[in-house]
Amino acid sequence: MEYKSSNYFLNFSLIIKTSLSPWALLLEIKKIEFLLGRQKRTNHLYEDRFIDIDIILYEKNVIHENFLKIPHPKAHLRAFVMMPSLEIAENWIHPLFKLSLRELYQNYQNFLKLQKIHLYGKILF
């Protein structure tokens, strides 16, 4: 079951250049989240979070460990991830699907359009 909330969230994607490995980058991300006030969850249920930073893709890497999964296993199913990612990297090739983000969007657009995405108060889908 997907998480639902009545709250609004700010979602965006960015591309960074780093010399950090995926694991070192994750550690830095966790430090940032902690410094911004993210609290460790007391249960394993989804809940609203003040800050949540995910690594969606990292070059062509495929990593599947308990604490790090790249590419993010549900990114292609989440409009709030796909829409901002398409704006900056539509030709990025997903390392498992071997499709660009644009092609993934086209394959899943009927499902993605069921999700409400707002852009500064306007509904995109």
PDB file of N, CA and C in Angstrom:
ATOM      1  N   MET A   1       0.842  -1.171   0.000  1.00  0.00           N
ATOM      2  CA  MET A   1       0.000   0.000   0.000  1.00  0.00           C
ATOM      3  C   MET A   1       0.891   1.238   0.000  1.00  0.00           C
ATOM      4  N   GLU A   2       0.540   2.195  -0.816  1.00  0.00           N
ATOM      5  CA  GLU A   2       1.287   3.444  -0.886  1.00  0.00           C
ATOM      6  C   GLU A   2       0.848   4.361   0.245  1.00  0.00           C
ATOM      7  N   TYR A   3       1.732   5.227   0.632  1.00  0.00           N
ATOM      8  CA  TYR A   3       1.479   6.193   1.685  1.00  0.00           C
ATOM      9  C   TYR A   3       0.597   7.319   1.177  1.00  0.00           C
ATOM     10  N   LYS A   4      -0.360   7.741   1.985  1.00  0.00           N
ATOM     11  CA  LYS A   4      -1.221   8.866   1.635  1.00  0.00           C
ATOM     12  C   LYS A   4      -1.168   9.881   2.769  1.00  0.00           C
ATOM     13  N   SER A   5      -1.214  11.150   2.397  1.00  0.00           N
ATOM     14  CA  SER A   5      -1.210  12.221   3.379  1.00  0.00           C
ATOM     15  C   SER A   5      -2.082  13.353   2.864  1.00  0.00           C
ATOM     16  N   SER A   6      -2.683  14.071   3.778  1.00  0.00           N
ATOM     17  CA  SER A   6      -3.462  15.250   3.385  1.00  0.00           C
ATOM     18  C   SER A   6      -2.572  16.484   3.292  1.00  0.00           C
ATOM     19  N   ASN A   7      -1.316  16.344   3.643  1.00  0.00           N
ATOM     20  CA  ASN A   7      -0.373  17.460   3.606  1.00  0.00           C
ATOM     21  C   ASN A   7       0.237  17.613   2.225  1.00  0.00           C
ATOM     22  N   TYR A   8       0.692  18.825   1.922  1.00  0.00           N
ATOM     23  CA  TYR A   8       1.413  19.089   0.688  1.00  0.00           C
ATOM     24  C   TYR A   8       2.911  18.911   0.935  1.00  0.00           C
ATOM     25  N   PHE A   9       3.601  18.471  -0.091  1.00  0.00           N
ATOM     26  CA  PHE A   9       5.042  18.271  -0.001  1.00  0.00           C
ATOM     27  C   PHE A   9       5.718  19.001  -1.141  1.00  0.00           C
ATOM     28  N   LEU A  10       6.916  19.463  -0.896  1.00  0.00           N
ATOM     29  CA  LEU A  10       7.738  20.066  -1.937  1.00  0.00           C
ATOM     30  C   LEU A  10       8.687  18.977  -2.428  1.00  0.00           C
ATOM     31  N   ASN A  11       8.600  18.650  -3.703  1.00  0.00           N
ATOM     32  CA  ASN A  11       9.456  17.634  -4.300  1.00  0.00           C
ATOM     33  C   ASN A  11      10.230  18.246  -5.448  1.00  0.00           C
ATOM     34  N   PHE A  12      11.496  17.898  -5.529  1.00  0.00           N
ATOM     35  CA  PHE A  12      12.293  18.344  -6.659  1.00  0.00           C
ATOM     36  C   PHE A  12      13.408  17.338  -6.907  1.00  0.00           C
ATOM     37  N   SER A  13      13.966  17.417  -8.082  1.00  0.00           N
ATOM     38  CA  SER A  13      15.085  16.570  -8.470  1.00  0.00           C
ATOM     39  C   SER A  13      16.274  17.454  -8.781  1.00  0.00           C
ATOM     40  N   LEU A  14      17.440  16.912  -8.561  1.00  0.00           N
ATOM     41  CA  LEU A  14      18.640  17.637  -8.950  1.00  0.00           C
ATOM     42  C   LEU A  14      19.705  16.643  -9.376  1.00  0.00           C
ATOM     43  N   ILE A  15      20.607  17.150 -10.169  1.00  0.00           N
ATOM     44  CA  ILE A  15      21.761  16.383 -10.603  1.00  0.00           C
ATOM     45  C   ILE A  15      22.965  16.981  -9.907  1.00  0.00           C
ATOM     46  N   ILE A  16      23.767  16.136  -9.305  1.00  0.00           N
ATOM     47  CA  ILE A  16      24.967  16.640  -8.643  1.00  0.00           C
ATOM     48  C   ILE A  16      26.196  15.953  -9.226  1.00  0.00           C
ATOM     49  N   LYS A  17      27.312  16.617  -9.083  1.00  0.00           N
ATOM     50  CA  LYS A  17      28.597  16.026  -9.431  1.00  0.00           C
ATOM     51  C   LYS A  17      29.321  15.809  -8.112  1.00  0.00           C
ATOM     52  N   THR A  18      29.776  14.578  -7.870  1.00  0.00           N
ATOM     53  CA  THR A  18      30.413  14.266  -6.608  1.00  0.00           C
ATOM     54  C   THR A  18      31.544  13.263  -6.801  1.00  0.00           C
ATOM     55  N   SER A  19      32.513  13.342  -5.929  1.00  0.00           N
ATOM     56  CA  SER A  19      33.572  12.335  -5.903  1.00  0.00           C
ATOM     57  C   SER A  19      33.237  11.245  -4.886  1.00  0.00           C
ATOM     58  N   LEU A  20      32.114  11.410  -4.184  1.00  0.00           N
ATOM     59  CA  LEU A  20      31.707  10.443  -3.171  1.00  0.00           C
ATOM     60  C   LEU A  20      31.151   9.175  -3.810  1.00  0.00           C
ATOM     61  N   SER A  21      31.406   8.049  -3.179  1.00  0.00           N
ATOM     62  CA  SER A  21      30.778   6.803  -3.598  1.00  0.00           C
ATOM     63  C   SER A  21      29.296   6.879  -3.225  1.00  0.00           C
ATOM     64  N   PRO A  22      28.464   6.007  -3.759  1.00  0.00           N
ATOM     65  CA  PRO A  22      27.046   6.016  -3.359  1.00  0.00           C
ATOM     66  C   PRO A  22      26.864   5.866  -1.847  1.00  0.00           C
ATOM     67  N   TRP A  23      27.677   5.042  -1.200  1.00  0.00           N
ATOM     68  CA  TRP A  23      27.559   4.819   0.246  1.00  0.00           C
ATOM     69  C   TRP A  23      27.976   6.055   1.015  1.00  0.00           C
ATOM     70  N   ALA A  24      29.064   6.690   0.587  1.00  0.00           N
ATOM     71  CA  ALA A  24      29.509   7.919   1.252  1.00  0.00           C
ATOM     72  C   ALA A  24      28.498   9.040   1.034  1.00  0.00           C
ATOM     73  N   LEU A  25      27.911   9.110  -0.142  1.00  0.00           N
ATOM     74  CA  LEU A  25      26.880  10.107  -0.422  1.00  0.00           C
ATOM     75  C   LEU A  25      25.676   9.884   0.482  1.00  0.00           C
ATOM     76  N   LEU A  26      25.269   8.637   0.649  1.00  0.00           N
ATOM     77  CA  LEU A  26      24.149   8.328   1.533  1.00  0.00           C
ATOM     78  C   LEU A  26      24.451   8.787   2.966  1.00  0.00           C
ATOM     79  N   LEU A  27      25.661   8.557   3.430  1.00  0.00           N
ATOM     80  CA  LEU A  27      26.044   8.991   4.773  1.00  0.00           C
ATOM     81  C   LEU A  27      25.940  10.512   4.903  1.00  0.00           C
ATOM     82  N   GLU A  28      26.398  11.240   3.900  1.00  0.00           N
ATOM     83  CA  GLU A  28      26.300  12.706   3.920  1.00  0.00           C
ATOM     84  C   GLU A  28      24.840  13.158   3.902  1.00  0.00           C
ATOM     85  N   ILE A  29      24.013  12.475   3.123  1.00  0.00           N
ATOM     86  CA  ILE A  29      22.585  12.795   3.072  1.00  0.00           C
ATOM     87  C   ILE A  29      21.950  12.594   4.444  1.00  0.00           C
ATOM     88  N   LYS A  30      22.288  11.501   5.108  1.00  0.00           N
ATOM     89  CA  LYS A  30      21.739  11.228   6.442  1.00  0.00           C
ATOM     90  C   LYS A  30      22.177  12.303   7.437  1.00  0.00           C
ATOM     91  N   LYS A  31      23.406  12.791   7.306  1.00  0.00           N
ATOM     92  CA  LYS A  31      23.876  13.881   8.168  1.00  0.00           C
ATOM     93  C   LYS A  31      23.050  15.143   7.926  1.00  0.00           C
ATOM     94  N   ILE A  32      22.808  15.466   6.666  1.00  0.00           N
ATOM     95  CA  ILE A  32      22.008  16.649   6.325  1.00  0.00           C
ATOM     96  C   ILE A  32      20.600  16.517   6.896  1.00  0.00           C
ATOM     97  N   GLU A  33      19.976  15.355   6.693  1.00  0.00           N
ATOM     98  CA  GLU A  33      18.621  15.146   7.217  1.00  0.00           C
ATOM     99  C   GLU A  33      18.607  15.324   8.737  1.00  0.00           C
ATOM    100  N   PHE A  34      19.601  14.779   9.432  1.00  0.00           N
ATOM    101  CA  PHE A  34      19.675  14.909  10.885  1.00  0.00           C
ATOM    102  C   PHE A  34      19.823  16.371  11.297  1.00  0.00           C
ATOM    103  N   LEU A  35      20.728  17.091  10.617  1.00  0.00           N
ATOM    104  CA  LEU A  35      20.951  18.502  10.951  1.00  0.00           C
ATOM    105  C   LEU A  35      19.703  19.354  10.699  1.00  0.00           C
ATOM    106  N   LEU A  36      18.859  18.925   9.751  1.00  0.00           N
ATOM    107  CA  LEU A  36      17.625  19.656   9.468  1.00  0.00           C
ATOM    108  C   LEU A  36      16.458  19.205  10.343  1.00  0.00           C
ATOM    109  N   GLY A  37      16.706  18.260  11.233  1.00  0.00           N
ATOM    110  CA  GLY A  37      15.672  17.885  12.195  1.00  0.00           C
ATOM    111  C   GLY A  37      14.912  16.615  11.911  1.00  0.00           C
ATOM    112  N   ARG A  38      15.369  15.809  10.978  1.00  0.00           N
ATOM    113  CA  ARG A  38      14.649  14.556  10.734  1.00  0.00           C
ATOM    114  C   ARG A  38      14.833  13.628  11.922  1.00  0.00           C
ATOM    115  N   GLN A  39      13.723  13.055  12.336  1.00  0.00           N
ATOM    116  CA  GLN A  39      13.718  12.117  13.446  1.00  0.00           C
ATOM    117  C   GLN A  39      13.699  10.692  12.920  1.00  0.00           C
ATOM    118  N   LYS A  40      14.376   9.810  13.605  1.00  0.00           N
ATOM    119  CA  LYS A  40      14.346   8.398  13.226  1.00  0.00           C
ATOM    120  C   LYS A  40      12.950   7.852  13.488  1.00  0.00           C
ATOM    121  N   ARG A  41      12.450   7.081  12.521  1.00  0.00           N
ATOM    122  CA  ARG A  41      11.116   6.503  12.678  1.00  0.00           C
ATOM    123  C   ARG A  41      11.122   5.469  13.794  1.00  0.00           C
ATOM    124  N   THR A  42      10.017   5.439  14.529  1.00  0.00           N
ATOM    125  CA  THR A  42       9.890   4.457  15.604  1.00  0.00           C
ATOM    126  C   THR A  42       9.191   3.197  15.125  1.00  0.00           C
ATOM    127  N   ASN A  43       8.599   3.261  13.921  1.00  0.00           N
ATOM    128  CA  ASN A  43       7.954   2.079  13.355  1.00  0.00           C
ATOM    129  C   ASN A  43       8.365   1.998  11.882  1.00  0.00           C
ATOM    130  N   HIS A  44       7.894   1.025  11.208  1.00  0.00           N
ATOM    131  CA  HIS A  44       8.266   0.842   9.803  1.00  0.00           C
ATOM    132  C   HIS A  44       7.167   1.302   8.852  1.00  0.00           C
ATOM    133  N   LEU A  45       6.248   2.119   9.359  1.00  0.00           N
ATOM    134  CA  LEU A  45       5.170   2.650   8.533  1.00  0.00           C
ATOM    135  C   LEU A  45       5.616   3.954   7.892  1.00  0.00           C
ATOM    136  N   TYR A  46       5.039   4.243   6.722  1.00  0.00           N
ATOM    137  CA  TYR A  46       5.310   5.537   6.102  1.00  0.00           C
ATOM    138  C   TYR A  46       4.640   6.619   6.923  1.00  0.00           C
ATOM    139  N   GLU A  47       5.311   7.747   7.035  1.00  0.00           N
ATOM    140  CA  GLU A  47       4.735   8.872   7.756  1.00  0.00           C
ATOM    141  C   GLU A  47       5.318  10.160   7.188  1.00  0.00           C
ATOM    142  N   ASP A  48       4.608  11.266   7.421  1.00  0.00           N
ATOM    143  CA  ASP A  48       5.117  12.560   6.975  1.00  0.00           C
ATOM    144  C   ASP A  48       6.495  12.795   7.600  1.00  0.00           C
ATOM    145  N   ARG A  49       7.390  13.376   6.787  1.00  0.00           N
ATOM    146  CA  ARG A  49       8.731  13.667   7.269  1.00  0.00           C
ATOM    147  C   ARG A  49       9.073  15.101   6.933  1.00  0.00           C
ATOM    148  N   PHE A  50       9.776  15.753   7.827  1.00  0.00           N
ATOM    149  CA  PHE A  50      10.194  17.136   7.605  1.00  0.00           C
ATOM    150  C   PHE A  50      11.133  17.217   6.413  1.00  0.00           C
ATOM    151  N   ILE A  51      12.018  16.252   6.279  1.00  0.00           N
ATOM    152  CA  ILE A  51      12.979  16.207   5.170  1.00  0.00           C
ATOM    153  C   ILE A  51      13.185  14.742   4.784  1.00  0.00           C
ATOM    154  N   ASP A  52      13.243  14.489   3.508  1.00  0.00           N
ATOM    155  CA  ASP A  52      13.476  13.127   3.018  1.00  0.00           C
ATOM    156  C   ASP A  52      14.242  13.240   1.703  1.00  0.00           C
ATOM    157  N   ILE A  53      15.508  12.888   1.734  1.00  0.00           N
ATOM    158  CA  ILE A  53      16.357  12.978   0.546  1.00  0.00           C
ATOM    159  C   ILE A  53      16.662  11.560   0.083  1.00  0.00           C
ATOM    160  N   ASP A  54      16.401  11.288  -1.180  1.00  0.00           N
ATOM    161  CA  ASP A  54      16.660   9.964  -1.747  1.00  0.00           C
ATOM    162  C   ASP A  54      17.644  10.060  -2.899  1.00  0.00           C
ATOM    163  N   ILE A  55      18.440   9.034  -3.050  1.00  0.00           N
ATOM    164  CA  ILE A  55      19.261   8.878  -4.250  1.00  0.00           C
ATOM    165  C   ILE A  55      18.428   8.029  -5.209  1.00  0.00           C
ATOM    166  N   ILE A  56      18.005   8.621  -6.304  1.00  0.00           N
ATOM    167  CA  ILE A  56      17.160   7.908  -7.258  1.00  0.00           C
ATOM    168  C   ILE A  56      18.012   7.119  -8.246  1.00  0.00           C
ATOM    169  N   LEU A  57      18.975   7.783  -8.833  1.00  0.00           N
ATOM    170  CA  LEU A  57      19.906   7.158  -9.771  1.00  0.00           C
ATOM    171  C   LEU A  57      21.307   7.625  -9.423  1.00  0.00           C
ATOM    172  N   TYR A  58      22.281   6.787  -9.685  1.00  0.00           N
ATOM    173  CA  TYR A  58      23.678   7.160  -9.488  1.00  0.00           C
ATOM    174  C   TYR A  58      24.453   6.530 -10.637  1.00  0.00           C
ATOM    175  N   GLU A  59      24.749   7.383 -11.625  1.00  0.00           N
ATOM    176  CA  GLU A  59      25.398   6.931 -12.859  1.00  0.00           C
ATOM    177  C   GLU A  59      24.654   5.707 -13.391  1.00  0.00           C
ATOM    178  N   LYS A  60      25.367   4.651 -13.697  1.00  0.00           N
ATOM    179  CA  LYS A  60      24.715   3.428 -14.197  1.00  0.00           C
ATOM    180  C   LYS A  60      24.693   2.345 -13.128  1.00  0.00           C
ATOM    181  N   ASN A  61      24.914   2.742 -11.882  1.00  0.00           N
ATOM    182  CA  ASN A  61      25.037   1.777 -10.790  1.00  0.00           C
ATOM    183  C   ASN A  61      23.718   1.092 -10.472  1.00  0.00           C
ATOM    184  N   VAL A  62      23.841  -0.177 -10.093  1.00  0.00           N
ATOM    185  CA  VAL A  62      22.731  -0.951  -9.559  1.00  0.00           C
ATOM    186  C   VAL A  62      23.219  -1.511  -8.229  1.00  0.00           C
ATOM    187  N   ILE A  63      22.581  -1.075  -7.155  1.00  0.00           N
ATOM    188  CA  ILE A  63      22.948  -1.490  -5.802  1.00  0.00           C
ATOM    189  C   ILE A  63      21.676  -1.937  -5.111  1.00  0.00           C
ATOM    190  N   HIS A  64      21.706  -3.113  -4.529  1.00  0.00           N
ATOM    191  CA  HIS A  64      20.518  -3.613  -3.836  1.00  0.00           C
ATOM    192  C   HIS A  64      20.960  -4.167  -2.476  1.00  0.00           C
ATOM    193  N   GLU A  65      21.001  -3.264  -1.494  1.00  0.00           N
ATOM    194  CA  GLU A  65      21.355  -3.628  -0.126  1.00  0.00           C
ATOM    195  C   GLU A  65      20.240  -3.149   0.791  1.00  0.00           C
ATOM    196  N   ASN A  66      20.234  -3.627   2.013  1.00  0.00           N
ATOM    197  CA  ASN A  66      19.164  -3.240   2.942  1.00  0.00           C
ATOM    198  C   ASN A  66      19.039  -1.737   3.086  1.00  0.00           C
ATOM    199  N   PHE A  67      20.147  -1.037   3.185  1.00  0.00           N
ATOM    200  CA  PHE A  67      20.121   0.395   3.472  1.00  0.00           C
ATOM    201  C   PHE A  67      20.320   1.272   2.239  1.00  0.00           C
ATOM    202  N   LEU A  68      20.592   0.670   1.089  1.00  0.00           N
ATOM    203  CA  LEU A  68      20.810   1.458  -0.122  1.00  0.00           C
ATOM    204  C   LEU A  68      20.339   0.690  -1.345  1.00  0.00           C
ATOM    205  N   LYS A  69      19.370   1.274  -2.037  1.00  0.00           N
ATOM    206  CA  LYS A  69      18.838   0.667  -3.261  1.00  0.00           C
ATOM    207  C   LYS A  69      18.898   1.701  -4.371  1.00  0.00           C
ATOM    208  N   ILE A  70      19.734   1.426  -5.360  1.00  0.00           N
ATOM    209  CA  ILE A  70      19.886   2.292  -6.528  1.00  0.00           C
ATOM    210  C   ILE A  70      19.803   1.404  -7.759  1.00  0.00           C
ATOM    211  N   PRO A  71      18.962   1.747  -8.710  1.00  0.00           N
ATOM    212  CA  PRO A  71      18.021   2.866  -8.701  1.00  0.00           C
ATOM    213  C   PRO A  71      16.919   2.649  -7.661  1.00  0.00           C
ATOM    214  N   HIS A  72      16.314   3.755  -7.268  1.00  0.00           N
ATOM    215  CA  HIS A  72      15.226   3.675  -6.293  1.00  0.00           C
ATOM    216  C   HIS A  72      14.156   2.753  -6.863  1.00  0.00           C
ATOM    217  N   PRO A  73      13.754   1.725  -6.122  1.00  0.00           N
ATOM    218  CA  PRO A  73      12.860   0.704  -6.685  1.00  0.00           C
ATOM    219  C   PRO A  73      11.468   1.175  -7.094  1.00  0.00           C
ATOM    220  N   LYS A  74      11.001   2.311  -6.570  1.00  0.00           N
ATOM    221  CA  LYS A  74       9.652   2.779  -6.919  1.00  0.00           C
ATOM    222  C   LYS A  74       9.641   4.121  -7.639  1.00  0.00           C
ATOM    223  N   ALA A  75      10.798   4.624  -8.010  1.00  0.00           N
ATOM    224  CA  ALA A  75      10.866   5.954  -8.622  1.00  0.00           C
ATOM    225  C   ALA A  75       9.988   6.058  -9.861  1.00  0.00           C
ATOM    226  N   HIS A  76      10.009   5.057 -10.715  1.00  0.00           N
ATOM    227  CA  HIS A  76       9.254   5.101 -11.972  1.00  0.00           C
ATOM    228  C   HIS A  76       7.741   5.033 -11.754  1.00  0.00           C
ATOM    229  N   LEU A  77       7.321   4.709 -10.538  1.00  0.00           N
ATOM    230  CA  LEU A  77       5.889   4.606 -10.214  1.00  0.00           C
ATOM    231  C   LEU A  77       5.374   5.815  -9.436  1.00  0.00           C
ATOM    232  N   ARG A  78       6.227   6.783  -9.210  1.00  0.00           N
ATOM    233  CA  ARG A  78       5.851   7.944  -8.407  1.00  0.00           C
ATOM    234  C   ARG A  78       5.937   9.213  -9.248  1.00  0.00           C
ATOM    235  N   ALA A  79       4.789   9.791  -9.482  1.00  0.00           N
ATOM    236  CA  ALA A  79       4.735  11.012 -10.300  1.00  0.00           C
ATOM    237  C   ALA A  79       5.551  12.134  -9.663  1.00  0.00           C
ATOM    238  N   PHE A  80       5.566  12.202  -8.338  1.00  0.00           N
ATOM    239  CA  PHE A  80       6.313  13.274  -7.670  1.00  0.00           C
ATOM    240  C   PHE A  80       7.820  13.112  -7.830  1.00  0.00           C
ATOM    241  N   VAL A  81       8.273  11.954  -8.268  1.00  0.00           N
ATOM    242  CA  VAL A  81       9.687  11.749  -8.607  1.00  0.00           C
ATOM    243  C   VAL A  81       9.883  11.933 -10.110  1.00  0.00           C
ATOM    244  N   MET A  82       9.015  11.320 -10.892  1.00  0.00           N
ATOM    245  CA  MET A  82       9.187  11.329 -12.349  1.00  0.00           C
ATOM    246  C   MET A  82       9.048  12.719 -12.964  1.00  0.00           C
ATOM    247  N   MET A  83       8.067  13.495 -12.543  1.00  0.00           N
ATOM    248  CA  MET A  83       7.831  14.779 -13.196  1.00  0.00           C
ATOM    249  C   MET A  83       9.009  15.746 -13.038  1.00  0.00           C
ATOM    250  N   PRO A  84       9.524  15.978 -11.836  1.00  0.00           N
ATOM    251  CA  PRO A  84      10.681  16.871 -11.751  1.00  0.00           C
ATOM    252  C   PRO A  84      11.934  16.275 -12.409  1.00  0.00           C
ATOM    253  N   SER A  85      12.059  14.957 -12.383  1.00  0.00           N
ATOM    254  CA  SER A  85      13.216  14.316 -13.013  1.00  0.00           C
ATOM    255  C   SER A  85      13.186  14.476 -14.529  1.00  0.00           C
ATOM    256  N   LEU A  86      12.007  14.417 -15.097  1.00  0.00           N
ATOM    257  CA  LEU A  86      11.872  14.606 -16.545  1.00  0.00           C
ATOM    258  C   LEU A  86      12.311  16.005 -16.971  1.00  0.00           C
ATOM    259  N   GLU A  87      12.095  16.980 -16.107  1.00  0.00           N
ATOM    260  CA  GLU A  87      12.463  18.354 -16.441  1.00  0.00           C
ATOM    261  C   GLU A  87      13.967  18.541 -16.592  1.00  0.00           C
ATOM    262  N   ILE A  88      14.752  17.723 -15.904  1.00  0.00           N
ATOM    263  CA  ILE A  88      16.209  17.923 -15.926  1.00  0.00           C
ATOM    264  C   ILE A  88      16.992  16.783 -16.567  1.00  0.00           C
ATOM    265  N   ALA A  89      16.353  15.618 -16.741  1.00  0.00           N
ATOM    266  CA  ALA A  89      17.134  14.463 -17.217  1.00  0.00           C
ATOM    267  C   ALA A  89      16.290  13.468 -18.002  1.00  0.00           C
ATOM    268  N   GLU A  90      15.477  13.960 -18.912  1.00  0.00           N
ATOM    269  CA  GLU A  90      14.554  13.053 -19.605  1.00  0.00           C
ATOM    270  C   GLU A  90      15.261  11.971 -20.412  1.00  0.00           C
ATOM    271  N   ASN A  91      16.505  12.193 -20.779  1.00  0.00           N
ATOM    272  CA  ASN A  91      17.237  11.196 -21.576  1.00  0.00           C
ATOM    273  C   ASN A  91      18.117  10.278 -20.742  1.00  0.00           C
ATOM    274  N   TRP A  92      18.083  10.442 -19.426  1.00  0.00           N
ATOM    275  CA  TRP A  92      18.866   9.582 -18.541  1.00  0.00           C
ATOM    276  C   TRP A  92      18.356   8.150 -18.679  1.00  0.00           C
ATOM    277  N   ILE A  93      19.250   7.216 -18.864  1.00  0.00           N
ATOM    278  CA  ILE A  93      18.869   5.810 -19.054  1.00  0.00           C
ATOM    279  C   ILE A  93      18.816   5.101 -17.703  1.00  0.00           C
ATOM    280  N   HIS A  94      17.668   4.506 -17.433  1.00  0.00           N
ATOM    281  CA  HIS A  94      17.489   3.731 -16.207  1.00  0.00           C
ATOM    282  C   HIS A  94      18.305   2.441 -16.351  1.00  0.00           C
ATOM    283  N   PRO A  95      19.187   2.134 -15.394  1.00  0.00           N
ATOM    284  CA  PRO A  95      20.099   1.003 -15.564  1.00  0.00           C
ATOM    285  C   PRO A  95      19.451  -0.379 -15.542  1.00  0.00           C
ATOM    286  N   LEU A  96      18.258  -0.502 -15.008  1.00  0.00           N
ATOM    287  CA  LEU A  96      17.576  -1.803 -15.018  1.00  0.00           C
ATOM    288  C   LEU A  96      16.623  -1.947 -16.192  1.00  0.00           C
ATOM    289  N   PHE A  97      15.837  -0.914 -16.455  1.00  0.00           N
ATOM    290  CA  PHE A  97      14.858  -0.970 -17.538  1.00  0.00           C
ATOM    291  C   PHE A  97      15.484  -0.728 -18.909  1.00  0.00           C
ATOM    292  N   LYS A  98      16.668  -0.106 -18.920  1.00  0.00           N
ATOM    293  CA  LYS A  98      17.361   0.242 -20.172  1.00  0.00           C
ATOM    294  C   LYS A  98      16.499   1.155 -21.046  1.00  0.00           C
ATOM    295  N   LEU A  99      15.729   2.021 -20.384  1.00  0.00           N
ATOM    296  CA  LEU A  99      14.883   3.008 -21.045  1.00  0.00           C
ATOM    297  C   LEU A  99      15.208   4.380 -20.486  1.00  0.00           C
ATOM    298  N   SER A 100      15.008   5.409 -21.298  1.00  0.00           N
ATOM    299  CA  SER A 100      15.183   6.770 -20.789  1.00  0.00           C
ATOM    300  C   SER A 100      14.039   7.080 -19.826  1.00  0.00           C
ATOM    301  N   LEU A 101      14.236   8.117 -19.015  1.00  0.00           N
ATOM    302  CA  LEU A 101      13.161   8.521 -18.115  1.00  0.00           C
ATOM    303  C   LEU A 101      11.915   8.904 -18.910  1.00  0.00           C
ATOM    304  N   ARG A 102      12.103   9.522 -20.061  1.00  0.00           N
ATOM    305  CA  ARG A 102      10.962   9.881 -20.919  1.00  0.00           C
ATOM    306  C   ARG A 102      10.215   8.617 -21.361  1.00  0.00           C
ATOM    307  N   GLU A 103      10.947   7.585 -21.776  1.00  0.00           N
ATOM    308  CA  GLU A 103      10.305   6.331 -22.196  1.00  0.00           C
ATOM    309  C   GLU A 103       9.603   5.645 -21.028  1.00  0.00           C
ATOM    310  N   LEU A 104      10.214   5.679 -19.843  1.00  0.00           N
ATOM    311  CA  LEU A 104       9.558   5.111 -18.658  1.00  0.00           C
ATOM    312  C   LEU A 104       8.265   5.853 -18.361  1.00  0.00           C
ATOM    313  N   TYR A 105       8.328   7.182 -18.439  1.00  0.00           N
ATOM    314  CA  TYR A 105       7.116   7.967 -18.222  1.00  0.00           C
ATOM    315  C   TYR A 105       6.022   7.558 -19.214  1.00  0.00           C
ATOM    316  N   GLN A 106       6.390   7.435 -20.477  1.00  0.00           N
ATOM    317  CA  GLN A 106       5.408   7.057 -21.497  1.00  0.00           C
ATOM    318  C   GLN A 106       4.818   5.675 -21.209  1.00  0.00           C
ATOM    319  N   ASN A 107       5.631   4.747 -20.720  1.00  0.00           N
ATOM    320  CA  ASN A 107       5.141   3.401 -20.403  1.00  0.00           C
ATOM    321  C   ASN A 107       4.199   3.391 -19.204  1.00  0.00           C
ATOM    322  N   TYR A 108       4.414   4.295 -18.260  1.00  0.00           N
ATOM    323  CA  TYR A 108       3.632   4.308 -17.026  1.00  0.00           C
ATOM    324  C   TYR A 108       2.724   5.521 -16.910  1.00  0.00           C
ATOM    325  N   GLN A 109       2.556   6.290 -17.986  1.00  0.00           N
ATOM    326  CA  GLN A 109       1.832   7.555 -17.865  1.00  0.00           C
ATOM    327  C   GLN A 109       0.394   7.397 -17.403  1.00  0.00           C
ATOM    328  N   ASN A 110      -0.293   6.336 -17.795  1.00  0.00           N
ATOM    329  CA  ASN A 110      -1.678   6.166 -17.337  1.00  0.00           C
ATOM    330  C   ASN A 110      -1.731   6.001 -15.820  1.00  0.00           C
ATOM    331  N   PHE A 111      -0.790   5.257 -15.266  1.00  0.00           N
ATOM    332  CA  PHE A 111      -0.719   5.075 -13.819  1.00  0.00           C
ATOM    333  C   PHE A 111      -0.277   6.370 -13.135  1.00  0.00           C
ATOM    334  N   LEU A 112       0.730   7.027 -13.686  1.00  0.00           N
ATOM    335  CA  LEU A 112       1.255   8.255 -13.080  1.00  0.00           C
ATOM    336  C   LEU A 112       0.217   9.365 -13.084  1.00  0.00           C
ATOM    337  N   LYS A 113      -0.610   9.417 -14.094  1.00  0.00           N
ATOM    338  CA  LYS A 113      -1.626  10.471 -14.187  1.00  0.00           C
ATOM    339  C   LYS A 113      -2.734  10.312 -13.149  1.00  0.00           C
ATOM    340  N   LEU A 114      -2.817   9.157 -12.516  1.00  0.00           N
ATOM    341  CA  LEU A 114      -3.793   8.966 -11.446  1.00  0.00           C
ATOM    342  C   LEU A 114      -3.370   9.670 -10.160  1.00  0.00           C
ATOM    343  N   GLN A 115      -2.108  10.045 -10.089  1.00  0.00           N
ATOM    344  CA  GLN A 115      -1.570  10.695  -8.893  1.00  0.00           C
ATOM    345  C   GLN A 115      -1.682  12.207  -9.044  1.00  0.00           C
ATOM    346  N   LYS A 116      -2.175  12.862  -8.019  1.00  0.00           N
ATOM    347  CA  LYS A 116      -2.348  14.316  -8.051  1.00  0.00           C
ATOM    348  C   LYS A 116      -1.017  15.001  -7.790  1.00  0.00           C
ATOM    349  N   ILE A 117      -0.591  15.809  -8.749  1.00  0.00           N
ATOM    350  CA  ILE A 117       0.637  16.592  -8.614  1.00  0.00           C
ATOM    351  C   ILE A 117       0.255  18.052  -8.821  1.00  0.00           C
ATOM    352  N   HIS A 118       0.659  18.921  -7.901  1.00  0.00           N
ATOM    353  CA  HIS A 118       0.362  20.345  -7.989  1.00  0.00           C
ATOM    354  C   HIS A 118       1.637  21.102  -8.329  1.00  0.00           C
ATOM    355  N   LEU A 119       1.504  22.095  -9.152  1.00  0.00           N
ATOM    356  CA  LEU A 119       2.619  22.981  -9.463  1.00  0.00           C
ATOM    357  C   LEU A 119       2.202  24.378  -9.042  1.00  0.00           C
ATOM    358  N   TYR A 120       2.725  24.832  -7.924  1.00  0.00           N
ATOM    359  CA  TYR A 120       2.373  26.144  -7.395  1.00  0.00           C
ATOM    360  C   TYR A 120       0.873  26.356  -7.357  1.00  0.00           C
ATOM    361  N   GLY A 121       0.165  25.361  -6.852  1.00  0.00           N
ATOM    362  CA  GLY A 121      -1.269  25.463  -6.687  1.00  0.00           C
ATOM    363  C   GLY A 121      -2.092  24.994  -7.862  1.00  0.00           C
ATOM    364  N   LYS A 122      -1.440  24.636  -8.961  1.00  0.00           N
ATOM    365  CA  LYS A 122      -2.165  24.130 -10.124  1.00  0.00           C
ATOM    366  C   LYS A 122      -1.960  22.619 -10.227  1.00  0.00           C
ATOM    367  N   ILE A 123      -3.001  21.903 -10.561  1.00  0.00           N
ATOM    368  CA  ILE A 123      -2.884  20.451 -10.691  1.00  0.00           C
ATOM    369  C   ILE A 123      -2.315  20.126 -12.062  1.00  0.00           C
ATOM    370  N   LEU A 124      -1.209  19.366 -12.092  1.00  0.00           N
ATOM    371  CA  LEU A 124      -0.646  18.915 -13.363  1.00  0.00           C
ATOM    372  C   LEU A 124      -1.397  17.697 -13.876  1.00  0.00           C
ATOM    373  N   PHE A 125      -1.719  16.786 -13.015  1.00  0.00           N
ATOM    374  CA  PHE A 125      -2.480  15.576 -13.385  1.00  0.00           C
ATOM    375  C   PHE A 125      -3.756  15.589 -12.597  1.00  0.00           C
TER     376      PHE A 125
END
